[in-house]
PDB file of N, CA and C in Angstrom:
ATOM      1  N   MET A   1      82.847  11.370-160.781  1.00  0.00           N
ATOM      2  CA  MET A   1      83.092  10.478-159.603  1.00  0.00           C
ATOM      3  C   MET A   1      83.321   9.047-160.078  1.00  0.00           C
ATOM      4  N   GLU A   2      84.333   8.483-159.590  1.00  0.00           N
ATOM      5  CA  GLU A   2      84.596   7.140-159.780  1.00  0.00           C
ATOM      6  C   GLU A   2      83.768   6.243-158.850  1.00  0.00           C
ATOM      7  N   PHE A   3      83.431   4.946-159.280  1.00  0.00           N
ATOM      8  CA  PHE A   3      82.653   4.025-158.437  1.00  0.00           C
ATOM      9  C   PHE A   3      83.229   3.835-157.100  1.00  0.00           C
ATOM     10  N   GLU A   4      84.530   3.652-157.127  1.00  0.00           N
ATOM     11  CA  GLU A   4      85.226   3.350-155.859  1.00  0.00           C
ATOM     12  C   GLU A   4      85.091   4.481-154.833  1.00  0.00           C
ATOM     13  N   GLU A   5      84.886   5.679-155.335  1.00  0.00           N
ATOM     14  CA  GLU A   5      84.736   6.837-154.373  1.00  0.00           C
ATOM     15  C   GLU A   5      83.366   6.776-153.638  1.00  0.00           C
ATOM     16  N   ALA A   6      82.372   6.089-154.190  1.00  0.00           N
ATOM     17  CA  ALA A   6      81.012   5.942-153.537  1.00  0.00           C
ATOM     18  C   ALA A   6      81.029   4.947-152.442  1.00  0.00           C
ATOM     19  N   LEU A   7      82.063   3.961-152.437  1.00  0.00           N
ATOM     20  CA  LEU A   7      82.100   2.927-151.463  1.00  0.00           C
ATOM     21  C   LEU A   7      82.736   3.462-150.153  1.00  0.00           C
ATOM     22  N   LYS A   8      81.988   3.032-149.079  1.00  0.00           N
ATOM     23  CA  LYS A   8      82.479   3.480-147.763  1.00  0.00           C
ATOM     24  C   LYS A   8      82.915   2.147-147.012  1.00  0.00           C
ATOM     25  N   GLY A   9      83.773   2.379-146.112  1.00  0.00           N
ATOM     26  CA  GLY A   9      84.299   1.219-145.317  1.00  0.00           C
ATOM     27  C   GLY A   9      84.610   1.536-143.864  1.00  0.00           C
ATOM     28  N   LYS A  10      85.386   0.793-143.228  1.00  0.00           N
ATOM     29  CA  LYS A  10      85.663   0.899-141.759  1.00  0.00           C
ATOM     30  C   LYS A  10      86.172   2.307-141.390  1.00  0.00           C
ATOM     31  N   GLU A  11      86.865   2.910-142.340  1.00  0.00           N
ATOM     32  CA  GLU A  11      87.478   4.219-142.052  1.00  0.00           C
ATOM     33  C   GLU A  11      86.472   5.313-141.799  1.00  0.00           C
ATOM     34  N   VAL A  12      85.247   5.147-142.233  1.00  0.00           N
ATOM     35  CA  VAL A  12      84.217   6.238-142.081  1.00  0.00           C
ATOM     36  C   VAL A  12      82.976   5.746-141.345  1.00  0.00           C
ATOM     37  N   GLU A  13      83.150   4.641-140.605  1.00  0.00           N
ATOM     38  CA  GLU A  13      81.970   4.061-139.856  1.00  0.00           C
ATOM     39  C   GLU A  13      81.407   5.106-138.881  1.00  0.00           C
ATOM     40  N   GLY A  14      80.089   5.205-138.898  1.00  0.00           N
ATOM     41  CA  GLY A  14      79.406   6.132-138.037  1.00  0.00           C
ATOM     42  C   GLY A  14      78.749   5.453-136.830  1.00  0.00           C
ATOM     43  N   LYS A  15      77.662   6.096-136.323  1.00  0.00           N
ATOM     44  CA  LYS A  15      77.037   5.534-135.079  1.00  0.00           C
ATOM     45  C   LYS A  15      76.452   4.225-135.313  1.00  0.00           C
ATOM     46  N   GLU A  16      75.749   3.932-136.461  1.00  0.00           N
ATOM     47  CA  GLU A  16      75.261   2.607-136.729  1.00  0.00           C
ATOM     48  C   GLU A  16      76.371   1.874-137.391  1.00  0.00           C
ATOM     49  N   LYS A  17      76.368   0.572-137.265  1.00  0.00           N
ATOM     50  CA  LYS A  17      77.375  -0.305-137.930  1.00  0.00           C
ATOM     51  C   LYS A  17      76.892  -0.712-139.272  1.00  0.00           C
ATOM     52  N   HIS A  18      77.601  -0.058-140.313  1.00  0.00           N
ATOM     53  CA  HIS A  18      77.163  -0.344-141.720  1.00  0.00           C
ATOM     54  C   HIS A  18      78.189  -1.336-142.363  1.00  0.00           C
ATOM     55  N   VAL A  19      79.343  -1.460-141.922  1.00  0.00           N
ATOM     56  CA  VAL A  19      80.341  -2.313-142.612  1.00  0.00           C
ATOM     57  C   VAL A  19      79.908  -3.760-142.560  1.00  0.00           C
ATOM     58  N   PRO A  20      79.773  -4.393-143.725  1.00  0.00           N
ATOM     59  CA  PRO A  20      79.331  -5.809-143.632  1.00  0.00           C
ATOM     60  C   PRO A  20      80.446  -6.700-143.064  1.00  0.00           C
ATOM     61  N   GLU A  21      80.108  -7.439-142.003  1.00  0.00           N
ATOM     62  CA  GLU A  21      81.049  -8.436-141.358  1.00  0.00           C
ATOM     63  C   GLU A  21      80.943  -9.736-142.146  1.00  0.00           C
ATOM     64  N   ILE A  22      82.101 -10.380-142.343  1.00  0.00           N
ATOM     65  CA  ILE A  22      82.153 -11.611-143.184  1.00  0.00           C
ATOM     66  C   ILE A  22      82.708 -12.715-142.268  1.00  0.00           C
ATOM     67  N   ASP A  23      81.947 -13.817-142.180  1.00  0.00           N
ATOM     68  CA  ASP A  23      82.404 -14.983-141.408  1.00  0.00           C
ATOM     69  C   ASP A  23      82.423 -16.171-142.282  1.00  0.00           C
ATOM     70  N   ILE A  24      83.477 -16.987-142.055  1.00  0.00           N
ATOM     71  CA  ILE A  24      83.627 -18.267-142.830  1.00  0.00           C
ATOM     72  C   ILE A  24      83.151 -19.382-141.885  1.00  0.00           C
ATOM     73  N   ILE A  25      82.226 -20.205-142.378  1.00  0.00           N
ATOM     74  CA  ILE A  25      81.670 -21.240-141.574  1.00  0.00           C
ATOM     75  C   ILE A  25      82.052 -22.576-142.332  1.00  0.00           C
ATOM     76  N   ARG A  26      82.868 -23.358-141.785  1.00  0.00           N
ATOM     77  CA  ARG A  26      83.303 -24.591-142.412  1.00  0.00           C
ATOM     78  C   ARG A  26      82.625 -25.860-141.831  1.00  0.00           C
ATOM     79  N   GLY A  27      82.332 -26.796-142.710  1.00  0.00           N
ATOM     80  CA  GLY A  27      81.826 -28.124-142.260  1.00  0.00           C
ATOM     81  C   GLY A  27      80.507 -28.061-141.462  1.00  0.00           C
ATOM     82  N   HIS A  28      79.564 -27.293-141.938  1.00  0.00           N
ATOM     83  CA  HIS A  28      78.278 -27.005-141.208  1.00  0.00           C
ATOM     84  C   HIS A  28      77.307 -28.221-141.615  1.00  0.00           C
ATOM     85  N   GLY A  29      76.647 -28.716-140.605  1.00  0.00           N
ATOM     86  CA  GLY A  29      75.557 -29.667-140.757  1.00  0.00           C
ATOM     87  C   GLY A  29      75.967 -31.032-141.196  1.00  0.00           C
ATOM     88  N   HIS A  30      75.009 -31.894-141.530  1.00  0.00           N
ATOM     89  CA  HIS A  30      75.290 -33.267-141.907  1.00  0.00           C
ATOM     90  C   HIS A  30      76.063 -33.390-143.215  1.00  0.00           C
ATOM     91  N   ALA A  31      75.865 -32.357-144.110  1.00  0.00           N
ATOM     92  CA  ALA A  31      76.615 -32.412-145.393  1.00  0.00           C
ATOM     93  C   ALA A  31      78.030 -31.771-145.233  1.00  0.00           C
ATOM     94  N   LYS A  32      78.315 -31.289-144.066  1.00  0.00           N
ATOM     95  CA  LYS A  32      79.623 -30.624-143.821  1.00  0.00           C
ATOM     96  C   LYS A  32      79.992 -29.525-144.933  1.00  0.00           C
ATOM     97  N   ALA A  33      78.932 -28.722-145.175  1.00  0.00           N
ATOM     98  CA  ALA A  33      79.061 -27.705-146.122  1.00  0.00           C
ATOM     99  C   ALA A  33      79.757 -26.447-145.564  1.00  0.00           C
ATOM    100  N   ASP A  34      80.386 -25.785-146.541  1.00  0.00           N
ATOM    101  CA  ASP A  34      81.115 -24.531-146.213  1.00  0.00           C
ATOM    102  C   ASP A  34      80.245 -23.353-146.628  1.00  0.00           C
ATOM    103  N   TYR A  35      80.143 -22.346-145.740  1.00  0.00           N
ATOM    104  CA  TYR A  35      79.349 -21.132-146.067  1.00  0.00           C
ATOM    105  C   TYR A  35      80.215 -19.847-145.748  1.00  0.00           C
ATOM    106  N   VAL A  36      79.758 -18.818-146.449  1.00  0.00           N
ATOM    107  CA  VAL A  36      80.291 -17.477-146.122  1.00  0.00           C
ATOM    108  C   VAL A  36      79.034 -16.719-145.699  1.00  0.00           C
ATOM    109  N   ARG A  37      79.085 -16.199-144.466  1.00  0.00           N
ATOM    110  CA  ARG A  37      77.935 -15.424-143.884  1.00  0.00           C
ATOM    111  C   ARG A  37      78.332 -13.922-143.828  1.00  0.00           C
ATOM    112  N   VAL A  38      77.409 -13.098-144.304  1.00  0.00           N
ATOM    113  CA  VAL A  38      77.577 -11.645-144.235  1.00  0.00           C
ATOM    114  C   VAL A  38      76.480 -11.091-143.300  1.00  0.00           C
ATOM    115  N   ILE A  39      76.952 -10.325-142.332  1.00  0.00           N
ATOM    116  CA  ILE A  39      75.991  -9.771-141.350  1.00  0.00           C
ATOM    117  C   ILE A  39      76.295  -8.237-141.277  1.00  0.00           C
ATOM    118  N   VAL A  40      75.233  -7.510-141.361  1.00  0.00           N
ATOM    119  CA  VAL A  40      75.272  -5.987-141.224  1.00  0.00           C
ATOM    120  C   VAL A  40      74.739  -5.716-139.783  1.00  0.00           C
ATOM    121  N   GLY A  41      75.639  -5.055-139.035  1.00  0.00           N
ATOM    122  CA  GLY A  41      75.193  -4.704-137.669  1.00  0.00           C
ATOM    123  C   GLY A  41      75.381  -5.824-136.685  1.00  0.00           C
ATOM    124  N   LYS A  42      76.488  -6.494-136.879  1.00  0.00           N
ATOM    125  CA  LYS A  42      76.821  -7.693-135.983  1.00  0.00           C
ATOM    126  C   LYS A  42      77.085  -7.207-134.526  1.00  0.00           C
ATOM    127  N   GLU A  43      77.837  -6.112-134.353  1.00  0.00           N
ATOM    128  CA  GLU A  43      78.163  -5.589-132.975  1.00  0.00           C
ATOM    129  C   GLU A  43      77.116  -4.598-132.504  1.00  0.00           C
ATOM    130  N   VAL A  44      76.692  -3.724-133.375  1.00  0.00           N
ATOM    131  CA  VAL A  44      75.617  -2.736-133.049  1.00  0.00           C
ATOM    132  C   VAL A  44      74.588  -2.874-134.117  1.00  0.00           C
ATOM    133  N   LYS A  45      73.405  -3.234-133.687  1.00  0.00           N
ATOM    134  CA  LYS A  45      72.312  -3.502-134.600  1.00  0.00           C
ATOM    135  C   LYS A  45      71.981  -2.201-135.446  1.00  0.00           C
ATOM    136  N   HIS A  46      71.835  -2.382-136.786  1.00  0.00           N
ATOM    137  CA  HIS A  46      71.432  -1.332-137.669  1.00  0.00           C
ATOM    138  C   HIS A  46      69.932  -1.233-137.584  1.00  0.00           C
ATOM    139  N   PRO A  47      69.423   0.054-137.701  1.00  0.00           N
ATOM    140  CA  PRO A  47      67.994   0.278-137.723  1.00  0.00           C
ATOM    141  C   PRO A  47      67.273  -0.557-138.854  1.00  0.00           C
ATOM    142  N   ASN A  48      66.114  -0.953-138.517  1.00  0.00           N
ATOM    143  CA  ASN A  48      65.365  -1.830-139.545  1.00  0.00           C
ATOM    144  C   ASN A  48      63.968  -1.301-139.604  1.00  0.00           C
ATOM    145  N   THR A  49      63.801  -0.080-140.118  1.00  0.00           N
ATOM    146  CA  THR A  49      62.503   0.542-140.243  1.00  0.00           C
ATOM    147  C   THR A  49      62.199   0.889-141.764  1.00  0.00           C
ATOM    148  N   LEU A  50      61.094   1.176-142.073  1.00  0.00           N
ATOM    149  CA  LEU A  50      60.734   1.549-143.483  1.00  0.00           C
ATOM    150  C   LEU A  50      61.596   2.815-143.885  1.00  0.00           C
ATOM    151  N   GLU A  51      61.807   3.665-142.917  1.00  0.00           N
ATOM    152  CA  GLU A  51      62.602   4.940-143.202  1.00  0.00           C
ATOM    153  C   GLU A  51      64.111   4.704-143.205  1.00  0.00           C
ATOM    154  N   HIS A  52      64.596   3.706-142.558  1.00  0.00           N
ATOM    155  CA  HIS A  52      66.090   3.477-142.516  1.00  0.00           C
ATOM    156  C   HIS A  52      66.344   1.995-142.366  1.00  0.00           C
ATOM    157  N   HIS A  53      66.888   1.424-143.443  1.00  0.00           N
ATOM    158  CA  HIS A  53      67.161  -0.040-143.368  1.00  0.00           C
ATOM    159  C   HIS A  53      68.235  -0.451-144.433  1.00  0.00           C
ATOM    160  N   ILE A  54      68.679  -1.684-144.270  1.00  0.00           N
ATOM    161  CA  ILE A  54      69.647  -2.268-145.272  1.00  0.00           C
ATOM    162  C   ILE A  54      68.803  -2.892-146.325  1.00  0.00           C
ATOM    163  N   SER A  55      69.082  -2.502-147.580  1.00  0.00           N
ATOM    164  CA  SER A  55      68.251  -3.006-148.661  1.00  0.00           C
ATOM    165  C   SER A  55      68.769  -4.299-149.243  1.00  0.00           C
ATOM    166  N   TRP A  56      70.061  -4.471-149.312  1.00  0.00           N
ATOM    167  CA  TRP A  56      70.653  -5.687-149.895  1.00  0.00           C
ATOM    168  C   TRP A  56      72.093  -5.856-149.494  1.00  0.00           C
ATOM    169  N   VAL A  57      72.597  -7.159-149.698  1.00  0.00           N
ATOM    170  CA  VAL A  57      73.932  -7.508-149.523  1.00  0.00           C
ATOM    171  C   VAL A  57      74.390  -8.350-150.691  1.00  0.00           C
ATOM    172  N   GLU A  58      75.615  -8.111-151.209  1.00  0.00           N
ATOM    173  CA  GLU A  58      76.238  -8.947-152.278  1.00  0.00           C
ATOM    174  C   GLU A  58      77.481  -9.542-151.789  1.00  0.00           C
ATOM    175  N   LEU A  59      77.811 -10.722-152.262  1.00  0.00           N
ATOM    176  CA  LEU A  59      79.099 -11.384-151.918  1.00  0.00           C
ATOM    177  C   LEU A  59      79.873 -11.705-153.147  1.00  0.00           C
ATOM    178  N   TYR A  60      81.190 -11.406-153.085  1.00  0.00           N
ATOM    179  CA  TYR A  60      82.114 -11.786-154.184  1.00  0.00           C
ATOM    180  C   TYR A  60      83.273 -12.553-153.635  1.00  0.00           C
ATOM    181  N   GLY A  61      83.816 -13.493-154.383  1.00  0.00           N
ATOM    182  CA  GLY A  61      85.019 -14.215-153.975  1.00  0.00           C
ATOM    183  C   GLY A  61      86.105 -13.986-154.957  1.00  0.00           C
ATOM    184  N   ILE A  62      87.450 -14.008-154.521  1.00  0.00           N
ATOM    185  CA  ILE A  62      88.510 -13.833-155.379  1.00  0.00           C
ATOM    186  C   ILE A  62      89.354 -15.135-155.274  1.00  0.00           C
ATOM    187  N   THR A  63      89.440 -15.913-156.347  1.00  0.00           N
ATOM    188  CA  THR A  63      90.087 -17.158-156.395  1.00  0.00           C
ATOM    189  C   THR A  63      91.606 -16.982-156.236  1.00  0.00           C
ATOM    190  N   LYS A  64      92.346 -17.913-155.868  1.00  0.00           N
ATOM    191  CA  LYS A  64      93.753 -17.873-155.749  1.00  0.00           C
ATOM    192  C   LYS A  64      94.405 -17.521-157.043  1.00  0.00           C
ATOM    193  N   ASP A  65      93.765 -17.841-158.222  1.00  0.00           N
ATOM    194  CA  ASP A  65      94.353 -17.448-159.505  1.00  0.00           C
ATOM    195  C   ASP A  65      93.794 -16.154-160.014  1.00  0.00           C
ATOM    196  N   GLY A  66      93.097 -15.346-159.194  1.00  0.00           N
ATOM    197  CA  GLY A  66      92.660 -13.960-159.455  1.00  0.00           C
ATOM    198  C   GLY A  66      91.338 -13.788-160.103  1.00  0.00           C
ATOM    199  N   LYS A  67      90.531 -14.926-160.268  1.00  0.00           N
ATOM    200  CA  LYS A  67      89.242 -14.739-160.859  1.00  0.00           C
ATOM    201  C   LYS A  67      88.244 -14.243-159.795  1.00  0.00           C
ATOM    202  N   MET A  68      87.384 -13.388-160.252  1.00  0.00           N
ATOM    203  CA  MET A  68      86.253 -12.857-159.340  1.00  0.00           C
ATOM    204  C   MET A  68      85.090 -13.671-159.605  1.00  0.00           C
ATOM    205  N   VAL A  69      84.418 -14.119-158.540  1.00  0.00           N
ATOM    206  CA  VAL A  69      83.211 -14.921-158.556  1.00  0.00           C
ATOM    207  C   VAL A  69      82.090 -14.163-157.858  1.00  0.00           C
ATOM    208  N   ASP A  70      80.984 -13.949-158.518  1.00  0.00           N
ATOM    209  CA  ASP A  70      79.780 -13.331-157.920  1.00  0.00           C
ATOM    210  C   ASP A  70      78.898 -14.407-157.389  1.00  0.00           C
ATOM    211  N   PHE A  71      78.790 -14.412-156.035  1.00  0.00           N
ATOM    212  CA  PHE A  71      77.944 -15.424-155.381  1.00  0.00           C
ATOM    213  C   PHE A  71      76.494 -14.982-155.327  1.00  0.00           C
ATOM    214  N   GLY A  72      76.217 -13.775-155.593  1.00  0.00           N
ATOM    215  CA  GLY A  72      74.817 -13.328-155.693  1.00  0.00           C
ATOM    216  C   GLY A  72      74.457 -12.182-154.729  1.00  0.00           C
ATOM    217  N   ARG A  73      73.235 -11.876-154.663  1.00  0.00           N
ATOM    218  CA  ARG A  73      72.624 -10.755-153.855  1.00  0.00           C
ATOM    219  C   ARG A  73      71.510 -11.285-153.044  1.00  0.00           C
ATOM    220  N   MET A  74      71.378 -10.798-151.850  1.00  0.00           N
ATOM    221  CA  MET A  74      70.219 -11.124-151.042  1.00  0.00           C
ATOM    222  C   MET A  74      69.581  -9.718-150.678  1.00  0.00           C
ATOM    223  N   ASN A  75      68.315  -9.601-151.082  1.00  0.00           N
ATOM    224  CA  ASN A  75      67.482  -8.364-150.795  1.00  0.00           C
ATOM    225  C   ASN A  75      66.795  -8.648-149.425  1.00  0.00           C
ATOM    226  N   PHE A  76      66.562  -7.471-148.704  1.00  0.00           N
ATOM    227  CA  PHE A  76      65.892  -7.549-147.436  1.00  0.00           C
ATOM    228  C   PHE A  76      64.681  -6.661-147.468  1.00  0.00           C
ATOM    229  N   GLU A  77      63.663  -7.178-146.880  1.00  0.00           N
ATOM    230  CA  GLU A  77      62.376  -6.453-146.630  1.00  0.00           C
ATOM    231  C   GLU A  77      62.482  -5.676-145.368  1.00  0.00           C
ATOM    232  N   PRO A  78      62.445  -4.358-145.325  1.00  0.00           N
ATOM    233  CA  PRO A  78      62.493  -3.676-144.061  1.00  0.00           C
ATOM    234  C   PRO A  78      61.405  -4.102-143.020  1.00  0.00           C
ATOM    235  N   VAL A  79      61.798  -4.124-141.807  1.00  0.00           N
ATOM    236  CA  VAL A  79      60.943  -4.555-140.654  1.00  0.00           C
ATOM    237  C   VAL A  79      60.906  -6.001-140.497  1.00  0.00           C
ATOM    238  N   TYR A  80      60.629  -6.716-141.539  1.00  0.00           N
ATOM    239  CA  TYR A  80      60.408  -8.158-141.485  1.00  0.00           C
ATOM    240  C   TYR A  80      61.671  -9.110-141.625  1.00  0.00           C
ATOM    241  N   THR A  81      62.761  -8.677-142.136  1.00  0.00           N
ATOM    242  CA  THR A  81      63.952  -9.435-142.278  1.00  0.00           C
ATOM    243  C   THR A  81      65.198  -8.643-141.663  1.00  0.00           C
ATOM    244  N   GLU A  82      66.099  -9.418-141.218  1.00  0.00           N
ATOM    245  CA  GLU A  82      67.439  -8.892-140.688  1.00  0.00           C
ATOM    246  C   GLU A  82      68.467  -9.010-141.737  1.00  0.00           C
ATOM    247  N   PRO A  83      69.365  -8.087-141.815  1.00  0.00           N
ATOM    248  CA  PRO A  83      70.386  -8.060-142.862  1.00  0.00           C
ATOM    249  C   PRO A  83      71.551  -9.039-142.605  1.00  0.00           C
ATOM    250  N   THR A  84      71.201 -10.322-142.709  1.00  0.00           N
ATOM    251  CA  THR A  84      72.088 -11.453-142.602  1.00  0.00           C
ATOM    252  C   THR A  84      71.952 -12.343-143.774  1.00  0.00           C
ATOM    253  N   ALA A  85      73.049 -12.733-144.485  1.00  0.00           N
ATOM    254  CA  ALA A  85      72.924 -13.603-145.721  1.00  0.00           C
ATOM    255  C   ALA A  85      73.996 -14.667-145.525  1.00  0.00           C
ATOM    256  N   SER A  86      73.629 -15.861-145.912  1.00  0.00           N
ATOM    257  CA  SER A  86      74.562 -17.031-145.984  1.00  0.00           C
ATOM    258  C   SER A  86      74.605 -17.522-147.417  1.00  0.00           C
ATOM    259  N   PHE A  87      75.864 -17.781-147.835  1.00  0.00           N
ATOM    260  CA  PHE A  87      76.134 -18.240-149.187  1.00  0.00           C
ATOM    261  C   PHE A  87      76.895 -19.527-149.085  1.00  0.00           C
ATOM    262  N   HIS A  88      76.301 -20.637-149.641  1.00  0.00           N
ATOM    263  CA  HIS A  88      76.958 -21.971-149.700  1.00  0.00           C
ATOM    264  C   HIS A  88      78.064 -21.820-150.755  1.00  0.00           C
ATOM    265  N   VAL A  89      79.327 -22.093-150.358  1.00  0.00           N
ATOM    266  CA  VAL A  89      80.464 -22.017-151.251  1.00  0.00           C
ATOM    267  C   VAL A  89      81.087 -23.274-151.448  1.00  0.00           C
ATOM    268  N   ASN A  90      81.081 -23.839-152.636  1.00  0.00           N
ATOM    269  CA  ASN A  90      81.837 -25.035-153.026  1.00  0.00           C
ATOM    270  C   ASN A  90      83.243 -24.711-153.170  1.00  0.00           C
ATOM    271  N   ASN A  91      84.133 -25.641-152.856  1.00  0.00           N
ATOM    272  CA  ASN A  91      85.600 -25.526-153.064  1.00  0.00           C
ATOM    273  C   ASN A  91      86.108 -24.216-152.476  1.00  0.00           C
ATOM    274  N   ILE A  92      85.737 -23.973-151.146  1.00  0.00           N
ATOM    275  CA  ILE A  92      86.084 -22.737-150.470  1.00  0.00           C
ATOM    276  C   ILE A  92      87.643 -22.581-150.382  1.00  0.00           C
ATOM    277  N   ASP A  93      88.396 -23.628-150.457  1.00  0.00           N
ATOM    278  CA  ASP A  93      89.829 -23.534-150.327  1.00  0.00           C
ATOM    279  C   ASP A  93      90.433 -22.977-151.697  1.00  0.00           C
ATOM    280  N   ASP A  94      89.678 -22.806-152.698  1.00  0.00           N
ATOM    281  CA  ASP A  94      90.150 -22.219-153.898  1.00  0.00           C
ATOM    282  C   ASP A  94      90.218 -20.709-153.837  1.00  0.00           C
ATOM    283  N   PHE A  95      89.710 -20.130-152.797  1.00  0.00           N
ATOM    284  CA  PHE A  95      89.563 -18.641-152.676  1.00  0.00           C
ATOM    285  C   PHE A  95      90.580 -18.055-151.712  1.00  0.00           C
ATOM    286  N   LYS A  96      91.084 -16.850-152.126  1.00  0.00           N
ATOM    287  CA  LYS A  96      92.121 -16.160-151.254  1.00  0.00           C
ATOM    288  C   LYS A  96      91.374 -14.986-150.500  1.00  0.00           C
ATOM    289  N   ALA A  97      90.205 -14.603-150.991  1.00  0.00           N
ATOM    290  CA  ALA A  97      89.555 -13.440-150.339  1.00  0.00           C
ATOM    291  C   ALA A  97      88.041 -13.458-150.674  1.00  0.00           C
ATOM    292  N   PHE A  98      87.294 -12.773-149.773  1.00  0.00           N
ATOM    293  CA  PHE A  98      85.847 -12.551-149.976  1.00  0.00           C
ATOM    294  C   PHE A  98      85.566 -11.174-149.771  1.00  0.00           C
ATOM    295  N   CYS A  99      84.715 -10.548-150.545  1.00  0.00           N
ATOM    296  CA  CYS A  99      84.317  -9.167-150.431  1.00  0.00           C
ATOM    297  C   CYS A  99      82.847  -9.031-150.403  1.00  0.00           C
ATOM    298  N   ALA A 100      82.291  -8.212-149.519  1.00  0.00           N
ATOM    299  CA  ALA A 100      80.855  -7.965-149.432  1.00  0.00           C
ATOM    300  C   ALA A 100      80.506  -6.503-149.666  1.00  0.00           C
ATOM    301  N   LEU A 101      79.430  -6.237-150.295  1.00  0.00           N
ATOM    302  CA  LEU A 101      78.834  -4.897-150.482  1.00  0.00           C
ATOM    303  C   LEU A 101      77.542  -4.892-149.789  1.00  0.00           C
ATOM    304  N   GLU A 102      77.083  -3.770-149.229  1.00  0.00           N
ATOM    305  CA  GLU A 102      75.763  -3.675-148.671  1.00  0.00           C
ATOM    306  C   GLU A 102      75.231  -2.235-149.004  1.00  0.00           C
ATOM    307  N   TYR A 103      73.924  -2.085-149.047  1.00  0.00           N
ATOM    308  CA  TYR A 103      73.379  -0.826-149.311  1.00  0.00           C
ATOM    309  C   TYR A 103      72.336  -0.347-148.261  1.00  0.00           C
ATOM    310  N   CYS A 104      72.635   0.748-147.620  1.00  0.00           N
ATOM    311  CA  CYS A 104      71.714   1.335-146.671  1.00  0.00           C
ATOM    312  C   CYS A 104      70.953   2.432-147.442  1.00  0.00           C
ATOM    313  N   ASN A 105      69.644   2.414-147.332  1.00  0.00           N
ATOM    314  CA  ASN A 105      68.826   3.375-148.038  1.00  0.00           C
ATOM    315  C   ASN A 105      69.072   4.827-147.641  1.00  0.00           C
ATOM    316  N   ILE A 106      69.770   5.126-146.521  1.00  0.00           N
ATOM    317  CA  ILE A 106      70.054   6.520-146.187  1.00  0.00           C
ATOM    318  C   ILE A 106      71.559   6.786-146.333  1.00  0.00           C
ATOM    319  N   HIS A 107      72.436   5.872-145.904  1.00  0.00           N
ATOM    320  CA  HIS A 107      73.852   6.147-145.843  1.00  0.00           C
ATOM    321  C   HIS A 107      74.672   5.543-146.987  1.00  0.00           C
ATOM    322  N   GLY A 108      74.023   4.891-147.949  1.00  0.00           N
ATOM    323  CA  GLY A 108      74.725   4.520-149.173  1.00  0.00           C
ATOM    324  C   GLY A 108      75.341   3.143-149.134  1.00  0.00           C
ATOM    325  N   LEU A 109      76.386   3.082-149.952  1.00  0.00           N
ATOM    326  CA  LEU A 109      77.088   1.801-150.286  1.00  0.00           C
ATOM    327  C   LEU A 109      78.275   1.617-149.381  1.00  0.00           C
ATOM    328  N   TRP A 110      78.340   0.408-148.833  1.00  0.00           N
ATOM    329  CA  TRP A 110      79.448   0.000-147.941  1.00  0.00           C
ATOM    330  C   TRP A 110      80.176  -1.243-148.336  1.00  0.00           C
ATOM    331  N   LYS A 111      81.445  -1.388-147.965  1.00  0.00           N
ATOM    332  CA  LYS A 111      82.204  -2.575-148.426  1.00  0.00           C
ATOM    333  C   LYS A 111      83.076  -3.106-147.361  1.00  0.00           C
ATOM    334  N   ASN A 112      83.416  -4.384-147.408  1.00  0.00           N
ATOM    335  CA  ASN A 112      84.385  -5.023-146.570  1.00  0.00           C
ATOM    336  C   ASN A 112      84.979  -6.223-147.310  1.00  0.00           C
ATOM    337  N   CYS A 113      86.232  -6.489-147.134  1.00  0.00           N
ATOM    338  CA  CYS A 113      86.913  -7.646-147.757  1.00  0.00           C
ATOM    339  C   CYS A 113      87.749  -8.308-146.645  1.00  0.00           C
ATOM    340  N   ILE A 114      87.806  -9.585-146.780  1.00  0.00           N
ATOM    341  CA  ILE A 114      88.693 -10.373-145.853  1.00  0.00           C
ATOM    342  C   ILE A 114      89.626 -11.355-146.680  1.00  0.00           C
ATOM    343  N   ASP A 115      90.780 -11.541-146.149  1.00  0.00           N
ATOM    344  CA  ASP A 115      91.595 -12.562-146.753  1.00  0.00           C
ATOM    345  C   ASP A 115      91.303 -13.825-146.079  1.00  0.00           C
ATOM    346  N   VAL A 116      91.411 -14.890-146.836  1.00  0.00           N
ATOM    347  CA  VAL A 116      91.134 -16.227-146.159  1.00  0.00           C
ATOM    348  C   VAL A 116      92.473 -16.877-145.862  1.00  0.00           C
TER     349      VAL A 116
END
């Protein structure tokens, strides 16, 4: 099995919303900072129990010259945290796309990418 075969996306979405939604937030706060926010279960909340939860979210950016940038991972504690992560992105205009991965402890690995 190839790694890409393990990734699920919008084409196989089930009852719960697993596909990570990606929002660009420009000029936030006093510092006018740019952020990329990843939310799992934006439209339909994903279960958040010990038995069924989102374990983590990762964010990647693809620069206009094709370089992949790993912005990091946010881990979530079931029951006590919601699967929402914000990443402060410097020079956001240098990017042509952002991709997010998330892991559901029951339904596996999910992906989404957006063009900027």
